[in-house]
Amino acid sequence: MQSPGSNPGIPEQAEIEFKEQWNRAKPGTKHKIGFLQLRDGGRLAVFPHREWNPPLDEKRLCVLFPVRNAAIAAPVGGIPAEERVEDELPPAPRHARTVYRGDLDPLADLDFADVPDEVRRDLAAHIGSKVSLVYDALSELDELVRSLNPEHEVE
C-alpha cells in the first residue's frame, strides 16, 4: 500500500460508492467494491479498508491508498464507530507448513512455572494479535517487492 497522492494517476481523495459483487478470489462469497473513473479514461477498482464496513449505494468522500492496479479506501475523518470491523482472525499463511507442538501454545517453550494461568493466557492472546501484524507487514513487503519487479507479476 502506498501513501495517498503518491501515484500521479490516482487522486488523493475521491467520492466512492460501494456495491456488493461476487468475489472471484473466494467463490461463493461477496465483497464490497467501488470504482473510480480516472482522467485517462480507465476505471480503478477501490476496496474498503479491512477495518471498514462501508454502507452500500451511498457516496462517501474517501482517502485513497494506491495498491498495484487498485486502491484501498478509508473515509475522510476516520472510520465511524458503527462502521468499524475488527479483524477476527489473522490471515492464513500463504504456504502450508508442518504444525509443531509449540504452535498450539506460543509460550510452551518458555518456563512459566511461577506465572498464574490467567497471565499466561493474556500473554498468549497478546502474542497472537501481534502475529496478525506480522502477517500484514509481510503482505505489504510482498506488494512492495512485486511493484519493484513488475515483469515477474502474474495477473
Protein backbone atom coordinates (compact mmCIF):
# COMPACT_ATOMS: atom_id res chain seq x y z
CA MET A 1 0.00 0.00 0.00
CA GLN A 2 1.36 3.40 -0.99
CA SER A 3 0.79 6.81 0.54
CA PRO A 4 -2.20 8.83 -0.68
CA GLY A 5 -1.21 11.04 -3.61
CA SER A 6 1.99 9.07 -4.32
CA ASN A 7 0.62 7.69 -7.61
CA PRO A 8 0.06 10.55 -10.08
CA GLY A 9 -2.75 8.65 -11.84
CA ILE A 10 -4.79 8.18 -8.65
CA PRO A 11 -6.24 11.17 -6.77
CA GLU A 12 -5.60 11.58 -3.05
CA GLN A 13 -9.34 11.78 -2.29
CA ALA A 14 -12.48 10.87 -4.22
CA GLU A 15 -16.20 10.23 -3.78
CA ILE A 16 -16.68 6.45 -3.81
CA GLU A 17 -19.92 4.45 -3.88
CA PHE A 18 -19.57 0.82 -2.82
CA LYS A 19 -21.58 -2.07 -4.26
CA GLU A 20 -21.59 -5.78 -3.49
CA GLN A 21 -20.02 -8.08 -6.04
CA TRP A 22 -19.17 -11.78 -6.19
CA ASN A 23 -15.59 -12.32 -5.08
CA ARG A 24 -13.65 -14.14 -7.82
CA ALA A 25 -10.82 -14.93 -5.40
CA LYS A 26 -13.22 -16.70 -2.98
CA PRO A 27 -16.03 -18.37 -4.97
CA GLY A 28 -19.40 -18.31 -3.25
CA THR A 29 -18.68 -15.13 -1.29
CA LYS A 30 -19.33 -11.46 -1.93
CA HIS A 31 -17.25 -8.41 -1.16
CA LYS A 32 -17.73 -4.67 -1.31
CA ILE A 33 -16.08 -2.79 -4.16
CA GLY A 34 -16.28 0.65 -5.71
CA PHE A 35 -14.99 2.02 -8.99
CA LEU A 36 -13.41 5.36 -9.76
CA GLN A 37 -13.41 6.80 -13.27
CA LEU A 38 -9.87 8.05 -13.94
CA ARG A 39 -8.85 11.06 -16.05
CA ASP A 40 -7.16 8.78 -18.61
CA GLY A 41 -10.49 7.02 -19.27
CA GLY A 42 -9.76 3.89 -17.24
CA ARG A 43 -11.59 2.62 -14.18
CA LEU A 44 -9.88 1.93 -10.88
CA ALA A 45 -11.16 -0.79 -8.54
CA VAL A 46 -11.44 0.55 -4.98
CA PHE A 47 -11.75 -1.73 -1.96
CA PRO A 48 -12.69 -0.58 1.56
CA HIS A 49 -10.06 -0.71 4.30
CA ARG A 50 -10.17 -4.06 6.10
CA GLU A 51 -11.47 -2.40 9.29
CA TRP A 52 -14.25 -0.52 7.47
CA ASN A 53 -17.70 -1.84 6.54
CA PRO A 54 -18.98 0.97 4.30
CA PRO A 55 -22.68 1.39 3.61
CA LEU A 56 -23.83 0.25 0.15
CA ASP A 57 -25.11 2.63 -2.55
CA GLU A 58 -24.02 5.73 -0.64
CA LYS A 59 -21.28 8.05 -1.91
CA ARG A 60 -18.61 8.81 0.65
CA LEU A 61 -15.54 11.06 0.42
CA CYS A 62 -12.55 8.73 0.88
CA VAL A 63 -8.78 8.91 1.10
CA LEU A 64 -7.27 6.55 -1.49
CA PHE A 65 -4.20 4.42 -0.82
CA PRO A 66 -2.84 3.07 -4.15
CA VAL A 67 -2.12 -0.67 -4.30
CA ARG A 68 -0.86 -2.16 -7.60
CA ASN A 69 -3.75 -1.68 -10.05
CA ALA A 70 -6.33 -0.79 -7.40
CA ALA A 71 -6.76 1.34 -4.28
CA ILE A 72 -7.78 0.93 -0.66
CA ALA A 73 -10.27 3.50 0.64
CA ALA A 74 -10.85 4.88 4.10
CA PRO A 75 -13.41 7.60 4.88
CA VAL A 76 -12.08 11.12 5.30
CA GLY A 77 -12.07 11.89 9.03
CA GLY A 78 -11.68 8.26 10.08
CA ILE A 79 -13.88 5.21 10.31
CA PRO A 80 -17.12 5.83 12.25
CA ALA A 81 -17.54 3.51 15.24
CA GLU A 82 -20.75 1.96 13.84
CA GLU A 83 -18.94 1.04 10.58
CA ARG A 84 -15.76 -0.33 12.19
CA VAL A 85 -14.97 -4.03 11.77
CA GLU A 86 -12.47 -5.78 14.00
CA ASP A 87 -10.24 -8.46 12.48
CA GLU A 88 -11.46 -11.73 13.96
CA LEU A 89 -8.66 -14.00 12.77
CA PRO A 90 -5.17 -13.37 11.50
CA PRO A 91 -4.79 -14.04 7.78
CA ALA A 92 -3.92 -17.60 6.85
CA PRO A 93 -0.30 -18.22 5.91
CA ARG A 94 0.33 -18.32 2.16
CA HIS A 95 2.12 -21.66 2.36
CA ALA A 96 1.10 -24.63 4.46
CA ARG A 97 3.71 -25.87 6.92
CA THR A 98 4.10 -28.60 9.49
CA VAL A 99 2.36 -27.93 12.80
CA TYR A 100 4.65 -28.41 15.79
CA ARG A 101 3.72 -28.93 19.44
CA GLY A 102 4.86 -25.40 20.28
CA ASP A 103 2.44 -23.93 17.72
CA LEU A 104 -0.51 -24.94 19.88
CA ASP A 105 0.77 -22.87 22.80
CA PRO A 106 3.10 -19.99 21.82
CA LEU A 107 4.53 -20.00 25.36
CA ALA A 108 5.18 -23.78 25.53
CA ASP A 109 8.98 -23.45 25.27
CA LEU A 110 9.25 -20.83 28.00
CA ASP A 111 9.46 -21.56 31.72
CA PHE A 112 6.39 -20.02 33.36
CA ALA A 113 6.18 -22.26 36.42
CA ASP A 114 5.56 -19.32 38.79
CA VAL A 115 3.26 -17.34 36.47
CA PRO A 116 -0.53 -17.64 37.01
CA ASP A 117 -2.57 -19.25 34.18
CA GLU A 118 -4.58 -16.05 33.64
CA VAL A 119 -1.40 -14.07 32.94
CA ARG A 120 -0.17 -16.82 30.58
CA ARG A 121 -3.47 -16.72 28.64
CA ASP A 122 -3.36 -12.91 28.38
CA LEU A 123 0.24 -13.02 27.15
CA ALA A 124 -0.59 -15.74 24.59
CA ALA A 125 -3.53 -13.65 23.29
CA HIS A 126 -1.27 -10.60 23.05
CA ILE A 127 1.34 -12.56 21.08
CA GLY A 128 -1.41 -13.90 18.78
CA SER A 129 -2.59 -10.37 17.99
CA LYS A 130 0.99 -9.33 17.16
CA VAL A 131 1.33 -12.29 14.77
CA SER A 132 -1.53 -10.74 12.79
CA LEU A 133 0.50 -7.53 12.47
CA VAL A 134 3.47 -9.55 11.22
CA TYR A 135 1.27 -11.12 8.51
CA ASP A 136 0.16 -7.61 7.44
CA ALA A 137 3.77 -6.42 7.28
CA LEU A 138 4.78 -9.45 5.20
CA SER A 139 1.87 -8.80 2.83
CA GLU A 140 2.96 -5.18 2.39
CA LEU A 141 6.54 -6.34 1.81
CA ASP A 142 5.29 -8.78 -0.84
CA GLU A 143 3.40 -5.95 -2.58
CA LEU A 144 6.49 -3.74 -2.49
CA VAL A 145 8.68 -6.47 -3.99
CA ARG A 146 6.12 -7.07 -6.74
CA SER A 147 5.97 -3.34 -7.51
CA LEU A 148 9.77 -3.25 -7.84
CA ASN A 149 9.75 -6.27 -10.19
CA PRO A 150 6.66 -5.71 -12.42
CA GLU A 151 7.92 -8.07 -15.15
CA HIS A 152 7.51 -11.00 -12.72
CA GLU A 153 3.92 -10.12 -11.80
CA VAL A 154 1.19 -12.51 -12.89
CA GLU A 155 -2.34 -11.21 -13.38
